[in-house]
Each structure stands twice: as C-alpha cells, then as structure tokens.
Amino acid sequence: MNDLDKSLMLALNFDGGTFLDAVMRFASGIPNWIPLYVIVLFIIYCKGGWKYMLFLLLAVGLGVGICDQVCNFFKANVEYPRPVQVSDLVDELHVLFDRFSRTRGTVSGHASTSFCVFLLTALAMRKGWFTGIMLVYTLLTSYSRIYISAHFPFQILFGWILGTLVALLLWWCFSKLNRRFGWEKTPAWVSRTFCKKHASTGC
C-alpha cells in the first residue's frame, strides 16, 4: 500500500448512516445478486437461445473460478493487508466488519468476479441499456468493499484488471466457438413476439 491508496481510502470510506450501511451490506453479498443473475440469463436466452445462454454461463462460471483462484493466490503470497488490519488507519475508518476469512486483501475477489461477469455478459448482449445496468451492478459491488473497509481502492483496481483480462480471454474463446458452431439463434417465440417489425431481417 502507499500514501495515495490510504488517501483514497479515507476519501471514499465514510459513515453513510443506517440505510446506506444496509445497502452496502447487501451489495457486498454475492448471493444477494442471484435474482439479477437469473434475469440476466433469461435476457441472454431471449437474445441467443438456450445453447448461447448455456455456453456463456459456462464461460462466466469458468471466469469466476479463475478470478477467485488467482485472487486467493495473491492473498496467500503477497503482503497487502486489508484496511481494517492497518493499525494507524483503522480508527479513522467506518468499519462494518472487523473480521474476514483472510487478513490480506491483495486483489479483491468481489471486484474481479463482478467485473468479469459484467464484461462477458455485456459483450454477449451488445446493448447499451444492458451494459449500463451491469456496470451499475459491478461498480456498486466494488465500491461496497471500500465502504465496509474490506479493501483499499488499489485492491479494487487490481481486481478490475484481473477481471478484464480473464473476461477478454474467455470472450475470445467463446466468440470463436460461437462462430464455428453457430450457438446464437434468437428463439422463435421471441422473434414472433418482439420482432414483428423486422420479420424480413430477423431481430
């Protein structure tokens, strides 16, 4: 960590009151986002069909697994403590949780996995409104880790970089296989319901 990281941490971490505390606790809990993930899968199914959705789901699952393992490697081998472990800083922070499974927060797992999910699904959909929604999701998830004093800003940044690299690699593989096997096909019922105006060209 460096002075810039500490300064950013103090600038971004604050006591937002009971309501914001509850929002950030929710945002920081990955299982709490399951309803969003289900909706995202359905939207992707509507765009490309069940094969497109299934193989993208496999790519996302692989990406999350890779990010998680790489983060665990760095947390185990690189000394970069969480904010709550820094004795001369912790008294100035708004701390919601003082205990974590690991004392080091070298690369944020939440930031890397959420950014990987965001980028893979945004590339799959290629729709501005969808990208905006998923970007809000990943920014909220990432910022919540700073708000609850789980990670320094640079640890979040490292997570974004990792998530981006993993997502781009998997998207390259996924898109090549998709072009070869033709997974992407809008379901007939979606075309009949939503694409009447483009019946001659498809959705």
N, C-alpha and C. Protein backbone atom coordinates (compact mmCIF):
# COMPACT_ATOMS: atom_id res chain seq x y z
N MET A 1 0.84 -1.19 0.00
CA MET A 1 0.00 0.00 0.00
C MET A 1 0.87 1.24 0.00
N ASN A 2 0.33 2.38 -0.43
CA ASN A 2 1.08 3.62 -0.44
C ASN A 2 0.20 4.75 0.08
N ASP A 3 0.78 5.94 0.15
CA ASP A 3 0.05 7.09 0.70
C ASP A 3 -1.17 7.44 -0.15
N LEU A 4 -1.06 7.28 -1.47
CA LEU A 4 -2.19 7.58 -2.34
C LEU A 4 -3.35 6.64 -2.05
N ASP A 5 -3.04 5.36 -1.87
CA ASP A 5 -4.07 4.37 -1.57
C ASP A 5 -4.77 4.71 -0.24
N LYS A 6 -3.99 5.09 0.75
CA LYS A 6 -4.56 5.47 2.05
C LYS A 6 -5.44 6.71 1.91
N SER A 7 -4.97 7.69 1.16
CA SER A 7 -5.73 8.93 0.98
C SER A 7 -7.05 8.67 0.27
N LEU A 8 -7.01 7.84 -0.78
CA LEU A 8 -8.23 7.49 -1.49
C LEU A 8 -9.19 6.73 -0.58
N MET A 9 -8.63 5.85 0.22
CA MET A 9 -9.46 5.08 1.15
C MET A 9 -10.21 6.00 2.11
N LEU A 10 -9.51 6.96 2.68
CA LEU A 10 -10.13 7.89 3.62
C LEU A 10 -11.14 8.79 2.94
N ALA A 11 -10.92 9.09 1.66
CA ALA A 11 -11.85 9.95 0.93
C ALA A 11 -13.13 9.20 0.54
N LEU A 12 -13.01 7.91 0.25
CA LEU A 12 -14.14 7.14 -0.23
C LEU A 12 -14.90 6.41 0.87
N ASN A 13 -14.26 6.19 1.99
CA ASN A 13 -14.89 5.48 3.11
C ASN A 13 -15.47 6.48 4.09
N PHE A 14 -16.75 6.33 4.41
CA PHE A 14 -17.39 7.25 5.34
C PHE A 14 -18.61 6.57 5.95
N ASP A 15 -19.15 7.18 6.99
CA ASP A 15 -20.35 6.66 7.65
C ASP A 15 -21.58 7.25 6.96
N GLY A 16 -22.27 6.43 6.19
CA GLY A 16 -23.44 6.90 5.46
C GLY A 16 -24.74 6.70 6.19
N GLY A 17 -24.66 6.24 7.42
CA GLY A 17 -25.89 6.03 8.19
C GLY A 17 -26.46 4.63 8.02
N THR A 18 -27.54 4.37 8.74
CA THR A 18 -28.13 3.03 8.78
C THR A 18 -28.58 2.53 7.42
N PHE A 19 -29.23 3.41 6.65
CA PHE A 19 -29.75 2.98 5.35
C PHE A 19 -28.62 2.60 4.39
N LEU A 20 -27.61 3.46 4.26
CA LEU A 20 -26.51 3.17 3.35
C LEU A 20 -25.70 1.97 3.82
N ASP A 21 -25.58 1.82 5.13
CA ASP A 21 -24.91 0.62 5.66
C ASP A 21 -25.62 -0.64 5.17
N ALA A 22 -26.95 -0.63 5.24
CA ALA A 22 -27.73 -1.79 4.81
C ALA A 22 -27.57 -2.04 3.31
N VAL A 23 -27.57 -0.96 2.52
CA VAL A 23 -27.40 -1.09 1.07
C VAL A 23 -26.05 -1.70 0.74
N MET A 24 -25.01 -1.24 1.41
CA MET A 24 -23.66 -1.73 1.12
C MET A 24 -23.45 -3.15 1.62
N ARG A 25 -24.08 -3.50 2.73
CA ARG A 25 -24.03 -4.90 3.18
C ARG A 25 -24.67 -5.80 2.13
N PHE A 26 -25.81 -5.36 1.62
CA PHE A 26 -26.50 -6.14 0.59
C PHE A 26 -25.64 -6.25 -0.66
N ALA A 27 -25.10 -5.12 -1.12
CA ALA A 27 -24.30 -5.11 -2.35
C ALA A 27 -23.05 -5.97 -2.23
N SER A 28 -22.53 -6.08 -1.03
CA SER A 28 -21.29 -6.84 -0.82
C SER A 28 -21.53 -8.34 -0.73
N GLY A 29 -22.79 -8.73 -0.59
CA GLY A 29 -23.11 -10.16 -0.50
C GLY A 29 -23.42 -10.74 -1.86
N ILE A 30 -22.49 -11.46 -2.45
CA ILE A 30 -22.65 -12.01 -3.80
C ILE A 30 -23.95 -12.82 -3.95
N PRO A 31 -24.33 -13.68 -2.99
CA PRO A 31 -25.59 -14.43 -3.15
C PRO A 31 -26.82 -13.53 -3.27
N ASN A 32 -26.74 -12.32 -2.73
CA ASN A 32 -27.89 -11.41 -2.82
C ASN A 32 -28.21 -10.99 -4.25
N TRP A 33 -27.24 -11.17 -5.15
CA TRP A 33 -27.44 -10.78 -6.54
C TRP A 33 -27.99 -11.91 -7.40
N ILE A 34 -28.30 -13.06 -6.80
CA ILE A 34 -28.79 -14.21 -7.58
C ILE A 34 -30.02 -13.86 -8.42
N PRO A 35 -31.01 -13.13 -7.89
CA PRO A 35 -32.16 -12.75 -8.75
C PRO A 35 -31.73 -11.99 -10.01
N LEU A 36 -30.74 -11.10 -9.87
CA LEU A 36 -30.24 -10.38 -11.04
C LEU A 36 -29.60 -11.34 -12.03
N TYR A 37 -28.80 -12.30 -11.53
CA TYR A 37 -28.15 -13.26 -12.41
C TYR A 37 -29.18 -14.07 -13.19
N VAL A 38 -30.27 -14.46 -12.52
CA VAL A 38 -31.32 -15.24 -13.19
C VAL A 38 -31.97 -14.41 -14.30
N ILE A 39 -32.25 -13.15 -14.01
CA ILE A 39 -32.84 -12.26 -15.03
C ILE A 39 -31.88 -12.08 -16.20
N VAL A 40 -30.60 -11.92 -15.90
CA VAL A 40 -29.58 -11.76 -16.95
C VAL A 40 -29.54 -12.99 -17.85
N LEU A 41 -29.58 -14.17 -17.25
CA LEU A 41 -29.57 -15.40 -18.04
C LEU A 41 -30.79 -15.48 -18.96
N PHE A 42 -31.94 -15.08 -18.44
CA PHE A 42 -33.15 -15.10 -19.26
C PHE A 42 -33.04 -14.12 -20.43
N ILE A 43 -32.51 -12.94 -20.16
CA ILE A 43 -32.35 -11.94 -21.23
C ILE A 43 -31.40 -12.46 -22.30
N ILE A 44 -30.32 -13.09 -21.88
CA ILE A 44 -29.36 -13.63 -22.84
C ILE A 44 -29.98 -14.79 -23.63
N TYR A 45 -30.81 -15.60 -22.95
CA TYR A 45 -31.53 -16.66 -23.64
C TYR A 45 -32.43 -16.07 -24.72
N CYS A 46 -33.14 -14.98 -24.39
CA CYS A 46 -34.03 -14.34 -25.36
C CYS A 46 -33.27 -13.81 -26.56
N LYS A 47 -32.02 -13.43 -26.36
CA LYS A 47 -31.22 -12.90 -27.47
C LYS A 47 -30.65 -14.02 -28.34
N GLY A 48 -30.09 -15.06 -27.69
CA GLY A 48 -29.34 -16.03 -28.47
C GLY A 48 -29.77 -17.48 -28.35
N GLY A 49 -30.80 -17.76 -27.57
CA GLY A 49 -31.24 -19.14 -27.44
C GLY A 49 -30.55 -19.88 -26.31
N TRP A 50 -31.00 -21.12 -26.07
CA TRP A 50 -30.51 -21.84 -24.89
C TRP A 50 -29.05 -22.27 -25.02
N LYS A 51 -28.60 -22.61 -26.24
CA LYS A 51 -27.19 -23.00 -26.40
C LYS A 51 -26.27 -21.82 -26.11
N TYR A 52 -26.63 -20.67 -26.66
CA TYR A 52 -25.85 -19.45 -26.43
C TYR A 52 -25.78 -19.14 -24.95
N MET A 53 -26.94 -19.23 -24.28
CA MET A 53 -27.00 -18.96 -22.84
C MET A 53 -26.18 -19.97 -22.05
N LEU A 54 -26.32 -21.26 -22.39
CA LEU A 54 -25.64 -22.32 -21.64
C LEU A 54 -24.13 -22.19 -21.73
N PHE A 55 -23.61 -22.01 -22.94
CA PHE A 55 -22.16 -21.94 -23.10
C PHE A 55 -21.59 -20.62 -22.57
N LEU A 56 -22.38 -19.56 -22.62
CA LEU A 56 -21.94 -18.32 -21.99
C LEU A 56 -21.91 -18.50 -20.47
N LEU A 57 -22.90 -19.20 -19.93
CA LEU A 57 -22.92 -19.49 -18.49
C LEU A 57 -21.68 -20.29 -18.08
N LEU A 58 -21.29 -21.23 -18.91
CA LEU A 58 -20.07 -21.99 -18.63
C LEU A 58 -18.84 -21.09 -18.65
N ALA A 59 -18.80 -20.16 -19.61
CA ALA A 59 -17.67 -19.23 -19.70
C ALA A 59 -17.63 -18.32 -18.47
N VAL A 60 -18.80 -17.84 -18.05
CA VAL A 60 -18.86 -16.98 -16.86
C VAL A 60 -18.43 -17.77 -15.62
N GLY A 61 -18.93 -18.99 -15.48
CA GLY A 61 -18.53 -19.81 -14.34
C GLY A 61 -17.04 -20.08 -14.31
N LEU A 62 -16.47 -20.35 -15.48
CA LEU A 62 -15.03 -20.56 -15.57
C LEU A 62 -14.28 -19.29 -15.21
N GLY A 63 -14.78 -18.16 -15.69
CA GLY A 63 -14.13 -16.88 -15.39
C GLY A 63 -14.15 -16.56 -13.91
N VAL A 64 -15.30 -16.79 -13.27
CA VAL A 64 -15.41 -16.54 -11.83
C VAL A 64 -14.45 -17.45 -11.07
N GLY A 65 -14.37 -18.71 -11.48
CA GLY A 65 -13.46 -19.64 -10.82
C GLY A 65 -12.00 -19.25 -10.96
N ILE A 66 -11.61 -18.83 -12.18
CA ILE A 66 -10.23 -18.39 -12.42
C ILE A 66 -9.91 -17.16 -11.57
N CYS A 67 -10.81 -16.19 -11.60
CA CYS A 67 -10.59 -14.96 -10.82
C CYS A 67 -10.45 -15.28 -9.33
N ASP A 68 -11.31 -16.13 -8.84
CA ASP A 68 -11.28 -16.48 -7.41
C ASP A 68 -9.96 -17.14 -7.04
N GLN A 69 -9.50 -18.05 -7.85
CA GLN A 69 -8.26 -18.76 -7.53
C GLN A 69 -7.04 -17.85 -7.64
N VAL A 70 -7.02 -16.98 -8.64
CA VAL A 70 -5.90 -16.04 -8.78
C VAL A 70 -5.88 -15.08 -7.59
N CYS A 71 -7.06 -14.59 -7.19
CA CYS A 71 -7.14 -13.71 -6.03
C CYS A 71 -6.64 -14.40 -4.78
N ASN A 72 -7.05 -15.65 -4.58
CA ASN A 72 -6.60 -16.41 -3.40
C ASN A 72 -5.09 -16.60 -3.41
N PHE A 73 -4.52 -16.81 -4.60
CA PHE A 73 -3.07 -16.97 -4.71
C PHE A 73 -2.36 -15.70 -4.25
N PHE A 74 -2.81 -14.56 -4.73
CA PHE A 74 -2.17 -13.30 -4.35
C PHE A 74 -2.38 -12.99 -2.87
N LYS A 75 -3.57 -13.29 -2.35
CA LYS A 75 -3.82 -13.03 -0.94
C LYS A 75 -2.95 -13.90 -0.04
N ALA A 76 -2.62 -15.09 -0.53
CA ALA A 76 -1.79 -16.01 0.26
C ALA A 76 -0.31 -15.70 0.17
N ASN A 77 0.09 -15.03 -0.92
CA ASN A 77 1.53 -14.89 -1.17
C ASN A 77 2.05 -13.46 -1.23
N VAL A 78 1.16 -12.48 -1.29
CA VAL A 78 1.60 -11.08 -1.37
C VAL A 78 1.07 -10.32 -0.16
N GLU A 79 1.96 -9.67 0.56
CA GLU A 79 1.59 -8.94 1.78
C GLU A 79 0.96 -7.59 1.41
N TYR A 80 -0.34 -7.53 1.50
CA TYR A 80 -1.08 -6.30 1.20
C TYR A 80 -2.34 -6.35 2.07
N PRO A 81 -2.26 -5.88 3.31
CA PRO A 81 -3.35 -6.09 4.28
C PRO A 81 -4.64 -5.36 3.91
N ARG A 82 -5.72 -5.82 4.50
CA ARG A 82 -6.99 -5.11 4.39
C ARG A 82 -6.91 -3.83 5.23
N PRO A 83 -7.73 -2.84 4.92
CA PRO A 83 -7.72 -1.59 5.70
C PRO A 83 -7.91 -1.81 7.20
N VAL A 84 -8.76 -2.77 7.56
CA VAL A 84 -9.03 -3.00 8.99
C VAL A 84 -7.83 -3.60 9.71
N GLN A 85 -6.83 -4.04 8.96
CA GLN A 85 -5.63 -4.62 9.58
C GLN A 85 -4.51 -3.59 9.76
N VAL A 86 -4.74 -2.38 9.29
CA VAL A 86 -3.73 -1.33 9.39
C VAL A 86 -4.01 -0.51 10.65
N SER A 87 -3.16 -0.68 11.65
CA SER A 87 -3.43 -0.13 12.98
C SER A 87 -3.52 1.39 13.00
N ASP A 88 -2.70 2.08 12.20
CA ASP A 88 -2.71 3.55 12.21
C ASP A 88 -3.79 4.15 11.32
N LEU A 89 -4.62 3.30 10.73
CA LEU A 89 -5.66 3.76 9.82
C LEU A 89 -7.06 3.37 10.30
N VAL A 90 -7.18 2.25 10.96
CA VAL A 90 -8.49 1.67 11.26
C VAL A 90 -9.37 2.59 12.10
N ASP A 91 -8.78 3.37 12.99
CA ASP A 91 -9.58 4.26 13.84
C ASP A 91 -10.24 5.39 13.06
N GLU A 92 -9.76 5.65 11.85
CA GLU A 92 -10.34 6.72 11.03
C GLU A 92 -11.37 6.19 10.03
N LEU A 93 -11.59 4.87 10.03
CA LEU A 93 -12.47 4.26 9.04
C LEU A 93 -13.85 3.95 9.61
N HIS A 94 -14.79 3.87 8.70
CA HIS A 94 -16.13 3.37 9.05
C HIS A 94 -16.11 1.87 8.81
N VAL A 95 -16.06 1.08 9.85
CA VAL A 95 -15.87 -0.37 9.76
C VAL A 95 -17.18 -1.08 10.07
N LEU A 96 -17.68 -1.85 9.10
CA LEU A 96 -18.89 -2.64 9.33
C LEU A 96 -18.57 -4.06 9.75
N PHE A 97 -17.45 -4.59 9.23
CA PHE A 97 -17.00 -5.94 9.60
C PHE A 97 -15.53 -5.84 9.99
N ASP A 98 -15.19 -6.38 11.14
CA ASP A 98 -13.79 -6.32 11.56
C ASP A 98 -13.08 -7.66 11.40
N ARG A 99 -13.79 -8.66 10.90
CA ARG A 99 -13.18 -9.97 10.70
C ARG A 99 -13.50 -10.46 9.29
N PHE A 100 -12.47 -10.97 8.62
CA PHE A 100 -12.63 -11.53 7.29
C PHE A 100 -11.90 -12.86 7.24
N SER A 101 -12.24 -13.68 6.24
CA SER A 101 -11.62 -15.01 6.15
C SER A 101 -10.12 -14.93 5.94
N ARG A 102 -9.65 -13.85 5.30
CA ARG A 102 -8.22 -13.63 5.10
C ARG A 102 -7.87 -12.22 5.57
N THR A 103 -6.71 -12.08 6.19
CA THR A 103 -6.28 -10.76 6.65
C THR A 103 -5.72 -9.92 5.52
N ARG A 104 -5.34 -10.55 4.41
CA ARG A 104 -4.81 -9.82 3.26
C ARG A 104 -5.91 -9.63 2.22
N GLY A 105 -5.91 -8.46 1.60
CA GLY A 105 -6.92 -8.17 0.58
C GLY A 105 -6.29 -7.82 -0.74
N THR A 106 -5.13 -8.39 -1.02
CA THR A 106 -4.25 -8.00 -2.13
C THR A 106 -4.99 -7.70 -3.43
N VAL A 107 -5.81 -8.63 -3.89
CA VAL A 107 -6.65 -8.43 -5.08
C VAL A 107 -8.08 -8.76 -4.68
N SER A 108 -8.99 -7.84 -4.90
CA SER A 108 -10.38 -8.05 -4.48
C SER A 108 -11.08 -9.10 -5.33
N GLY A 109 -11.53 -10.17 -4.69
CA GLY A 109 -12.28 -11.20 -5.38
C GLY A 109 -13.64 -10.70 -5.85
N HIS A 110 -14.29 -9.88 -5.02
CA HIS A 110 -15.58 -9.32 -5.41
C HIS A 110 -15.44 -8.46 -6.66
N ALA A 111 -14.42 -7.61 -6.69
CA ALA A 111 -14.22 -6.72 -7.83
C ALA A 111 -13.88 -7.50 -9.09
N SER A 112 -13.02 -8.49 -8.98
CA SER A 112 -12.59 -9.25 -10.16
C SER A 112 -13.73 -10.09 -10.72
N THR A 113 -14.46 -10.79 -9.85
CA THR A 113 -15.53 -11.65 -10.35
C THR A 113 -16.70 -10.84 -10.90
N SER A 114 -17.07 -9.76 -10.21
CA SER A 114 -18.20 -8.95 -10.70
C SER A 114 -17.85 -8.28 -12.02
N PHE A 115 -16.59 -7.83 -12.18
CA PHE A 115 -16.20 -7.19 -13.43
C PHE A 115 -16.13 -8.21 -14.56
N CYS A 116 -15.70 -9.43 -14.23
CA CYS A 116 -15.66 -10.49 -15.23
C CYS A 116 -17.07 -10.81 -15.72
N VAL A 117 -18.02 -10.93 -14.79
CA VAL A 117 -19.41 -11.19 -15.14
C VAL A 117 -19.97 -10.04 -15.98
N PHE A 118 -19.70 -8.82 -15.54
CA PHE A 118 -20.16 -7.63 -16.28
C PHE A 118 -19.67 -7.64 -17.72
N LEU A 119 -18.37 -7.83 -17.90
CA LEU A 119 -17.80 -7.69 -19.24
C LEU A 119 -18.25 -8.82 -20.16
N LEU A 120 -18.28 -10.04 -19.67
CA LEU A 120 -18.70 -11.17 -20.50
C LEU A 120 -20.16 -11.02 -20.94
N THR A 121 -21.03 -10.67 -20.01
CA THR A 121 -22.45 -10.55 -20.36
C THR A 121 -22.70 -9.33 -21.25
N ALA A 122 -21.98 -8.23 -21.00
CA ALA A 122 -22.14 -7.04 -21.83
C ALA A 122 -21.70 -7.32 -23.27
N LEU A 123 -20.60 -8.04 -23.42
CA LEU A 123 -20.13 -8.40 -24.77
C LEU A 123 -21.11 -9.34 -25.45
N ALA A 124 -21.73 -10.20 -24.67
CA ALA A 124 -22.69 -11.15 -25.25
C ALA A 124 -23.96 -10.45 -25.71
N MET A 125 -24.42 -9.45 -24.96
CA MET A 125 -25.66 -8.76 -25.30
C MET A 125 -25.47 -7.65 -26.32
N ARG A 126 -24.40 -6.87 -26.17
CA ARG A 126 -24.11 -5.76 -27.07
C ARG A 126 -25.27 -4.76 -27.15
N LYS A 127 -25.83 -4.43 -26.00
CA LYS A 127 -26.91 -3.46 -25.89
C LYS A 127 -26.53 -2.43 -24.84
N GLY A 128 -26.68 -1.14 -25.18
CA GLY A 128 -26.28 -0.08 -24.27
C GLY A 128 -26.99 -0.12 -22.93
N TRP A 129 -28.31 -0.36 -22.94
CA TRP A 129 -29.07 -0.36 -21.70
C TRP A 129 -28.63 -1.50 -20.78
N PHE A 130 -28.33 -2.65 -21.40
CA PHE A 130 -27.88 -3.80 -20.61
C PHE A 130 -26.51 -3.53 -20.01
N THR A 131 -25.61 -2.99 -20.82
CA THR A 131 -24.27 -2.66 -20.33
C THR A 131 -24.35 -1.68 -19.17
N GLY A 132 -25.24 -0.70 -19.27
CA GLY A 132 -25.40 0.27 -18.19
C GLY A 132 -25.85 -0.37 -16.89
N ILE A 133 -26.83 -1.27 -16.97
CA ILE A 133 -27.33 -1.95 -15.78
C ILE A 133 -26.23 -2.78 -15.13
N MET A 134 -25.50 -3.54 -15.94
CA MET A 134 -24.46 -4.41 -15.39
C MET A 134 -23.27 -3.60 -14.86
N LEU A 135 -23.02 -2.44 -15.46
CA LEU A 135 -21.95 -1.58 -14.97
C LEU A 135 -22.30 -1.03 -13.59
N VAL A 136 -23.56 -0.64 -13.40
CA VAL A 136 -24.00 -0.18 -12.08
C VAL A 136 -23.83 -1.29 -11.05
N TYR A 137 -24.18 -2.51 -11.44
CA TYR A 137 -24.02 -3.67 -10.55
C TYR A 137 -22.57 -3.84 -10.10
N THR A 138 -21.65 -3.82 -11.05
CA THR A 138 -20.25 -4.08 -10.68
C THR A 138 -19.63 -2.91 -9.92
N LEU A 139 -20.01 -1.67 -10.26
CA LEU A 139 -19.49 -0.52 -9.53
C LEU A 139 -20.01 -0.50 -8.09
N LEU A 140 -21.29 -0.84 -7.92
CA LEU A 140 -21.87 -0.87 -6.58
C LEU A 140 -21.24 -1.97 -5.74
N THR A 141 -21.07 -3.15 -6.34
CA THR A 141 -20.43 -4.26 -5.64
C THR A 141 -19.01 -3.89 -5.24
N SER A 142 -18.27 -3.31 -6.17
CA SER A 142 -16.87 -2.96 -5.90
C SER A 142 -16.76 -1.87 -4.84
N TYR A 143 -17.57 -0.83 -4.98
CA TYR A 143 -17.49 0.26 -4.00
C TYR A 143 -17.90 -0.20 -2.61
N SER A 144 -18.83 -1.14 -2.53
CA SER A 144 -19.26 -1.63 -1.22
C SER A 144 -18.10 -2.21 -0.43
N ARG A 145 -17.11 -2.76 -1.12
CA ARG A 145 -15.94 -3.34 -0.44
C ARG A 145 -15.07 -2.26 0.18
N ILE A 146 -15.05 -1.08 -0.44
CA ILE A 146 -14.34 0.06 0.16
C ILE A 146 -15.16 0.62 1.33
N TYR A 147 -16.46 0.72 1.12
CA TYR A 147 -17.34 1.30 2.14
C TYR A 147 -17.29 0.51 3.44
N ILE A 148 -17.26 -0.82 3.34
CA ILE A 148 -17.25 -1.64 4.56
C ILE A 148 -15.83 -1.89 5.08
N SER A 149 -14.84 -1.24 4.45
CA SER A 149 -13.43 -1.33 4.86
C SER A 149 -12.81 -2.71 4.62
N ALA A 150 -13.29 -3.39 3.60
CA ALA A 150 -12.72 -4.70 3.26
C ALA A 150 -11.51 -4.59 2.34
N HIS A 151 -11.48 -3.53 1.50
CA HIS A 151 -10.39 -3.39 0.53
C HIS A 151 -10.00 -1.94 0.34
N PHE A 152 -8.72 -1.75 0.02
CA PHE A 152 -8.24 -0.44 -0.43
C PHE A 152 -8.65 -0.24 -1.89
N PRO A 153 -8.73 1.01 -2.35
CA PRO A 153 -9.08 1.28 -3.75
C PRO A 153 -8.16 0.58 -4.76
N PHE A 154 -6.86 0.55 -4.47
CA PHE A 154 -5.96 -0.11 -5.41
C PHE A 154 -6.23 -1.61 -5.49
N GLN A 155 -6.68 -2.22 -4.41
CA GLN A 155 -7.03 -3.64 -4.42
C GLN A 155 -8.26 -3.88 -5.29
N ILE A 156 -9.17 -2.92 -5.29
CA ILE A 156 -10.32 -2.97 -6.20
C ILE A 156 -9.85 -2.83 -7.64
N LEU A 157 -8.94 -1.88 -7.88
CA LEU A 157 -8.41 -1.66 -9.22
C LEU A 157 -7.73 -2.92 -9.74
N PHE A 158 -6.92 -3.57 -8.91
CA PHE A 158 -6.27 -4.81 -9.32
C PHE A 158 -7.31 -5.88 -9.66
N GLY A 159 -8.41 -5.91 -8.91
CA GLY A 159 -9.48 -6.85 -9.20
C GLY A 159 -10.12 -6.57 -10.55
N TRP A 160 -10.33 -5.29 -10.87
CA TRP A 160 -10.90 -4.93 -12.18
C TRP A 160 -9.98 -5.35 -13.31
N ILE A 161 -8.69 -5.13 -13.12
CA ILE A 161 -7.72 -5.51 -14.16
C ILE A 161 -7.74 -7.02 -14.38
N LEU A 162 -7.74 -7.77 -13.29
CA LEU A 162 -7.78 -9.23 -13.40
C LEU A 162 -9.08 -9.67 -14.08
N GLY A 163 -10.21 -9.12 -13.65
CA GLY A 163 -11.49 -9.50 -14.24
C GLY A 163 -11.55 -9.18 -15.72
N THR A 164 -10.98 -8.05 -16.11
CA THR A 164 -10.96 -7.66 -17.52
C THR A 164 -10.14 -8.64 -18.35
N LEU A 165 -8.96 -8.98 -17.88
CA LEU A 165 -8.09 -9.88 -18.63
C LEU A 165 -8.72 -11.26 -18.79
N VAL A 166 -9.28 -11.78 -17.71
CA VAL A 166 -9.91 -13.10 -17.76
C VAL A 166 -11.13 -13.07 -18.69
N ALA A 167 -11.95 -12.03 -18.57
CA ALA A 167 -13.16 -11.93 -19.40
C ALA A 167 -12.81 -11.82 -20.88
N LEU A 168 -11.82 -11.03 -21.23
CA LEU A 168 -11.44 -10.86 -22.64
C LEU A 168 -10.89 -12.16 -23.23
N LEU A 169 -10.11 -12.88 -22.43
CA LEU A 169 -9.58 -14.16 -22.89
C LEU A 169 -10.71 -15.15 -23.14
N LEU A 170 -11.64 -15.25 -22.19
CA LEU A 170 -12.75 -16.19 -22.34
C LEU A 170 -13.69 -15.76 -23.46
N TRP A 171 -13.90 -14.45 -23.63
CA TRP A 171 -14.76 -13.98 -24.71
C TRP A 171 -14.15 -14.31 -26.07
N TRP A 172 -12.85 -14.19 -26.19
CA TRP A 172 -12.18 -14.54 -27.44
C TRP A 172 -12.43 -16.01 -27.77
N CYS A 173 -12.30 -16.89 -26.77
CA CYS A 173 -12.55 -18.31 -26.98
C CYS A 173 -14.02 -18.57 -27.29
N PHE A 174 -14.90 -17.94 -26.51
CA PHE A 174 -16.34 -18.14 -26.69
C PHE A 174 -16.80 -17.67 -28.07
N SER A 175 -16.37 -16.50 -28.49
CA SER A 175 -16.83 -15.95 -29.77
C SER A 175 -16.32 -16.78 -30.95
N LYS A 176 -15.09 -17.31 -30.84
CA LYS A 176 -14.57 -18.15 -31.92
C LYS A 176 -15.39 -19.44 -32.03
N LEU A 177 -15.71 -20.04 -30.88
CA LEU A 177 -16.52 -21.26 -30.89
C LEU A 177 -17.94 -20.97 -31.35
N ASN A 178 -18.46 -19.82 -30.97
CA ASN A 178 -19.81 -19.45 -31.39
C ASN A 178 -19.89 -19.29 -32.91
N ARG A 179 -18.86 -18.66 -33.49
CA ARG A 179 -18.84 -18.51 -34.95
C ARG A 179 -18.74 -19.87 -35.65
N ARG A 180 -18.03 -20.78 -35.03
CA ARG A 180 -17.84 -22.09 -35.65
C ARG A 180 -19.08 -22.97 -35.54
N PHE A 181 -19.71 -22.98 -34.37
CA PHE A 181 -20.82 -23.90 -34.14
C PHE A 181 -22.20 -23.24 -34.23
N GLY A 182 -22.23 -21.91 -34.35
CA GLY A 182 -23.50 -21.23 -34.53
C GLY A 182 -24.46 -21.37 -33.36
N TRP A 183 -24.00 -21.11 -32.15
CA TRP A 183 -24.87 -21.24 -30.98
C TRP A 183 -25.94 -20.15 -30.94
N GLU A 184 -25.61 -18.96 -31.41
CA GLU A 184 -26.51 -17.82 -31.24
C GLU A 184 -27.66 -17.88 -32.23
N LYS A 185 -28.88 -18.02 -31.69
CA LYS A 185 -30.07 -18.07 -32.52
C LYS A 185 -31.25 -17.61 -31.68
N THR A 186 -31.87 -16.50 -32.07
CA THR A 186 -33.00 -15.97 -31.32
C THR A 186 -34.15 -16.97 -31.32
N PRO A 187 -34.68 -17.32 -30.14
CA PRO A 187 -35.81 -18.26 -30.07
C PRO A 187 -36.99 -17.79 -30.91
N ALA A 188 -37.71 -18.74 -31.51
CA ALA A 188 -38.81 -18.41 -32.41
C ALA A 188 -39.88 -17.58 -31.71
N TRP A 189 -40.18 -17.94 -30.45
CA TRP A 189 -41.25 -17.21 -29.75
C TRP A 189 -40.86 -15.76 -29.47
N VAL A 190 -39.56 -15.52 -29.29
CA VAL A 190 -39.10 -14.15 -29.10
C VAL A 190 -39.24 -13.36 -30.40
N SER A 191 -38.88 -13.99 -31.51
CA SER A 191 -39.00 -13.34 -32.81
C SER A 191 -40.44 -13.00 -33.12
N ARG A 192 -41.36 -13.95 -32.84
CA ARG A 192 -42.77 -13.71 -33.13
C ARG A 192 -43.34 -12.60 -32.25
N THR A 193 -42.87 -12.54 -30.99
CA THR A 193 -43.44 -11.60 -30.04
C THR A 193 -42.86 -10.20 -30.17
N PHE A 194 -41.55 -10.11 -30.36
CA PHE A 194 -40.88 -8.81 -30.27
C PHE A 194 -40.30 -8.31 -31.58
N CYS A 195 -40.24 -9.13 -32.60
CA CYS A 195 -39.51 -8.74 -33.80
C CYS A 195 -40.40 -8.66 -35.04
N LYS A 196 -41.69 -8.40 -34.85
CA LYS A 196 -42.60 -8.36 -36.00
C LYS A 196 -42.20 -7.28 -37.01
N LYS A 197 -41.67 -6.16 -36.49
CA LYS A 197 -41.30 -5.08 -37.38
C LYS A 197 -40.07 -5.40 -38.22
N HIS A 198 -39.36 -6.46 -37.80
CA HIS A 198 -38.13 -6.82 -38.54
C HIS A 198 -38.24 -8.25 -39.04
N ALA A 199 -39.43 -8.64 -39.41
CA ALA A 199 -39.67 -10.03 -39.81
C ALA A 199 -38.80 -10.47 -40.99
N SER A 200 -38.49 -9.53 -41.86
CA SER A 200 -37.73 -9.89 -43.05
C SER A 200 -36.24 -10.05 -42.78
N THR A 201 -35.76 -9.38 -41.72
CA THR A 201 -34.32 -9.41 -41.43
C THR A 201 -34.00 -10.11 -40.13
N GLY A 202 -35.00 -10.44 -39.34
CA GLY A 202 -34.75 -11.05 -38.03
C GLY A 202 -34.51 -9.97 -37.00
N CYS A 203 -34.30 -10.40 -35.72
CA CYS A 203 -34.10 -9.44 -34.63
C CYS A 203 -32.78 -8.72 -34.76
